[in-house]
Amino acid sequence: MAGKVCVISGASRGFGQGIAIRFVEEGCQVVLLSRSPCDETLALIGSIAGLAVPVGEVAVWVKSGALQLLPVRCKPTLSRGSWGGSSYAS
């Protein structure tokens, strides 16, 4: 998973926190979404053995509530085989 960027909801505690830490251990950058600050999650990420870069280069916290939308700009590149063998590319 190295080089991927993962968006993780509920990252301030519980399963979301554990997933965020594991993904960073696997080489991902993470966007941490939660209603409450992710200070503990960021500290745990910073304590990962062998992390060669500052926490700010692999993780960022974005305050996000149930009624907020996170605007994301993306350009899908779908081709034959990427979604069950059908071609959705135009």
C-alpha atoms as a PDB file:
ATOM      1  CA  MET A   1       0.000   0.000   0.000  1.00  0.00           C
ATOM      2  CA  ALA A   2       3.035   2.238  -0.079  1.00  0.00           C
ATOM      3  CA  GLY A   3       2.433   5.519  -1.859  1.00  0.00           C
ATOM      4  CA  LYS A   4      -1.357   5.457  -1.430  1.00  0.00           C
ATOM      5  CA  VAL A   5      -3.417   8.165   0.284  1.00  0.00           C
ATOM      6  CA  CYS A   6      -6.193   6.802   2.504  1.00  0.00           C
ATOM      7  CA  VAL A   7      -9.113   8.755   3.954  1.00  0.00           C
ATOM      8  CA  ILE A   8     -10.156   7.312   7.313  1.00  0.00           C
ATOM      9  CA  SER A   9     -13.301   8.345   9.164  1.00  0.00           C
ATOM     10  CA  GLY A  10     -13.603   8.024  12.925  1.00  0.00           C
ATOM     11  CA  ALA A  11      -9.833   8.249  13.214  1.00  0.00           C
ATOM     12  CA  SER A  12      -9.684   9.791  16.693  1.00  0.00           C
ATOM     13  CA  ARG A  13     -10.323   6.485  18.482  1.00  0.00           C
ATOM     14  CA  GLY A  14     -11.219   2.823  18.184  1.00  0.00           C
ATOM     15  CA  PHE A  15     -11.120   1.011  14.866  1.00  0.00           C
ATOM     16  CA  GLY A  16     -10.501   4.183  12.854  1.00  0.00           C
ATOM     17  CA  GLN A  17      -7.467   5.007  14.967  1.00  0.00           C
ATOM     18  CA  GLY A  18      -6.098   1.480  14.631  1.00  0.00           C
ATOM     19  CA  ILE A  19      -6.626   1.468  10.874  1.00  0.00           C
ATOM     20  CA  ALA A  20      -4.882   4.831  10.503  1.00  0.00           C
ATOM     21  CA  ILE A  21      -1.844   3.634  12.424  1.00  0.00           C
ATOM     22  CA  ARG A  22      -1.646   0.372  10.488  1.00  0.00           C
ATOM     23  CA  PHE A  23      -1.933   2.119   7.115  1.00  0.00           C
ATOM     24  CA  VAL A  24       0.933   4.467   7.996  1.00  0.00           C
ATOM     25  CA  GLU A  25       2.990   1.433   9.063  1.00  0.00           C
ATOM     26  CA  GLU A  26       2.290   0.010   5.602  1.00  0.00           C
ATOM     27  CA  GLY A  27       3.569   3.176   3.880  1.00  0.00           C
ATOM     28  CA  CYS A  28       0.352   5.119   3.252  1.00  0.00           C
ATOM     29  CA  GLN A  29      -0.349   8.771   3.861  1.00  0.00           C
ATOM     30  CA  VAL A  30      -3.586   9.242   5.793  1.00  0.00           C
ATOM     31  CA  VAL A  31      -6.293  11.885   6.007  1.00  0.00           C
ATOM     32  CA  LEU A  32      -7.854  11.537   9.449  1.00  0.00           C
ATOM     33  CA  LEU A  33     -11.525  12.498   9.634  1.00  0.00           C
ATOM     34  CA  SER A  34     -13.261  12.941  12.989  1.00  0.00           C
ATOM     35  CA  ARG A  35     -15.458  15.279  14.975  1.00  0.00           C
ATOM     36  CA  SER A  36     -12.925  15.470  17.794  1.00  0.00           C
ATOM     37  CA  PRO A  37      -9.205  16.216  17.469  1.00  0.00           C
ATOM     38  CA  CYS A  38      -6.896  13.340  16.536  1.00  0.00           C
ATOM     39  CA  ASP A  39      -4.063  14.374  18.855  1.00  0.00           C
ATOM     40  CA  GLU A  40      -3.715  10.867  20.307  1.00  0.00           C
ATOM     41  CA  THR A  41      -3.774   9.241  16.857  1.00  0.00           C
ATOM     42  CA  LEU A  42      -1.148  11.662  15.572  1.00  0.00           C
ATOM     43  CA  ALA A  43       1.031  10.985  18.629  1.00  0.00           C
ATOM     44  CA  LEU A  44       0.737   7.228  18.104  1.00  0.00           C
ATOM     45  CA  ILE A  45       1.646   7.647  14.433  1.00  0.00           C
ATOM     46  CA  GLY A  46       4.657   9.716  15.498  1.00  0.00           C
ATOM     47  CA  SER A  47       5.810   6.879  17.756  1.00  0.00           C
ATOM     48  CA  ILE A  48       5.870   4.287  14.965  1.00  0.00           C
ATOM     49  CA  ALA A  49       9.288   2.647  14.974  1.00  0.00           C
ATOM     50  CA  GLY A  50      11.197   3.402  11.808  1.00  0.00           C
ATOM     51  CA  LEU A  51       9.001   6.305  10.651  1.00  0.00           C
ATOM     52  CA  ALA A  52      11.559   8.280   8.676  1.00  0.00           C
ATOM     53  CA  VAL A  53       9.522  11.462   8.109  1.00  0.00           C
ATOM     54  CA  PRO A  54       7.691  13.933  10.357  1.00  0.00           C
ATOM     55  CA  VAL A  55       4.096  13.042  11.234  1.00  0.00           C
ATOM     56  CA  GLY A  56       2.856  16.042   9.242  1.00  0.00           C
ATOM     57  CA  GLU A  57       4.160  14.440   6.055  1.00  0.00           C
ATOM     58  CA  VAL A  58       2.157  11.238   6.497  1.00  0.00           C
ATOM     59  CA  ALA A  59      -0.966  12.310   8.399  1.00  0.00           C
ATOM     60  CA  VAL A  60      -3.347  15.236   8.527  1.00  0.00           C
ATOM     61  CA  TRP A  61      -6.502  15.732  10.636  1.00  0.00           C
ATOM     62  CA  VAL A  62      -9.650  17.220   9.091  1.00  0.00           C
ATOM     63  CA  LYS A  63     -12.571  18.074  11.386  1.00  0.00           C
ATOM     64  CA  SER A  64     -15.602  16.362   9.946  1.00  0.00           C
ATOM     65  CA  GLY A  65     -19.060  15.903  11.393  1.00  0.00           C
ATOM     66  CA  ALA A  66     -22.009  13.858  10.229  1.00  0.00           C
ATOM     67  CA  LEU A  67     -23.600  16.897   8.579  1.00  0.00           C
ATOM     68  CA  GLN A  68     -20.450  18.231   6.923  1.00  0.00           C
ATOM     69  CA  LEU A  69     -19.311  17.365   3.451  1.00  0.00           C
ATOM     70  CA  LEU A  70     -15.693  16.933   2.494  1.00  0.00           C
ATOM     71  CA  PRO A  71     -15.142  18.358  -0.979  1.00  0.00           C
ATOM     72  CA  VAL A  72     -12.841  16.113  -2.956  1.00  0.00           C
ATOM     73  CA  ARG A  73     -11.744  16.788  -6.502  1.00  0.00           C
ATOM     74  CA  CYS A  74     -10.862  13.695  -8.440  1.00  0.00           C
ATOM     75  CA  LYS A  75     -10.646  12.547 -12.004  1.00  0.00           C
ATOM     76  CA  PRO A  76     -11.652   8.923 -12.320  1.00  0.00           C
ATOM     77  CA  THR A  77      -9.751   6.928 -14.873  1.00  0.00           C
ATOM     78  CA  LEU A  78     -11.818   3.844 -15.439  1.00  0.00           C
ATOM     79  CA  SER A  79     -10.885   1.327 -18.059  1.00  0.00           C
ATOM     80  CA  ARG A  80     -11.874  -2.171 -19.076  1.00  0.00           C
ATOM     81  CA  GLY A  81     -11.245  -4.565 -16.243  1.00  0.00           C
ATOM     82  CA  SER A  82     -11.005  -2.004 -13.458  1.00  0.00           C
ATOM     83  CA  TRP A  83     -14.651  -2.462 -12.415  1.00  0.00           C
ATOM     84  CA  GLY A  84     -15.618  -6.043 -13.074  1.00  0.00           C
ATOM     85  CA  GLY A  85     -14.586  -6.146 -16.706  1.00  0.00           C
ATOM     86  CA  SER A  86     -16.958  -3.487 -18.019  1.00  0.00           C
ATOM     87  CA  SER A  87     -15.705  -0.402 -19.768  1.00  0.00           C
ATOM     88  CA  TYR A  88     -16.886   2.876 -18.274  1.00  0.00           C
ATOM     89  CA  ALA A  89     -14.276   5.088 -19.897  1.00  0.00           C
ATOM     90  CA  SER A  90     -15.551   7.619 -22.345  1.00  0.00           C
END
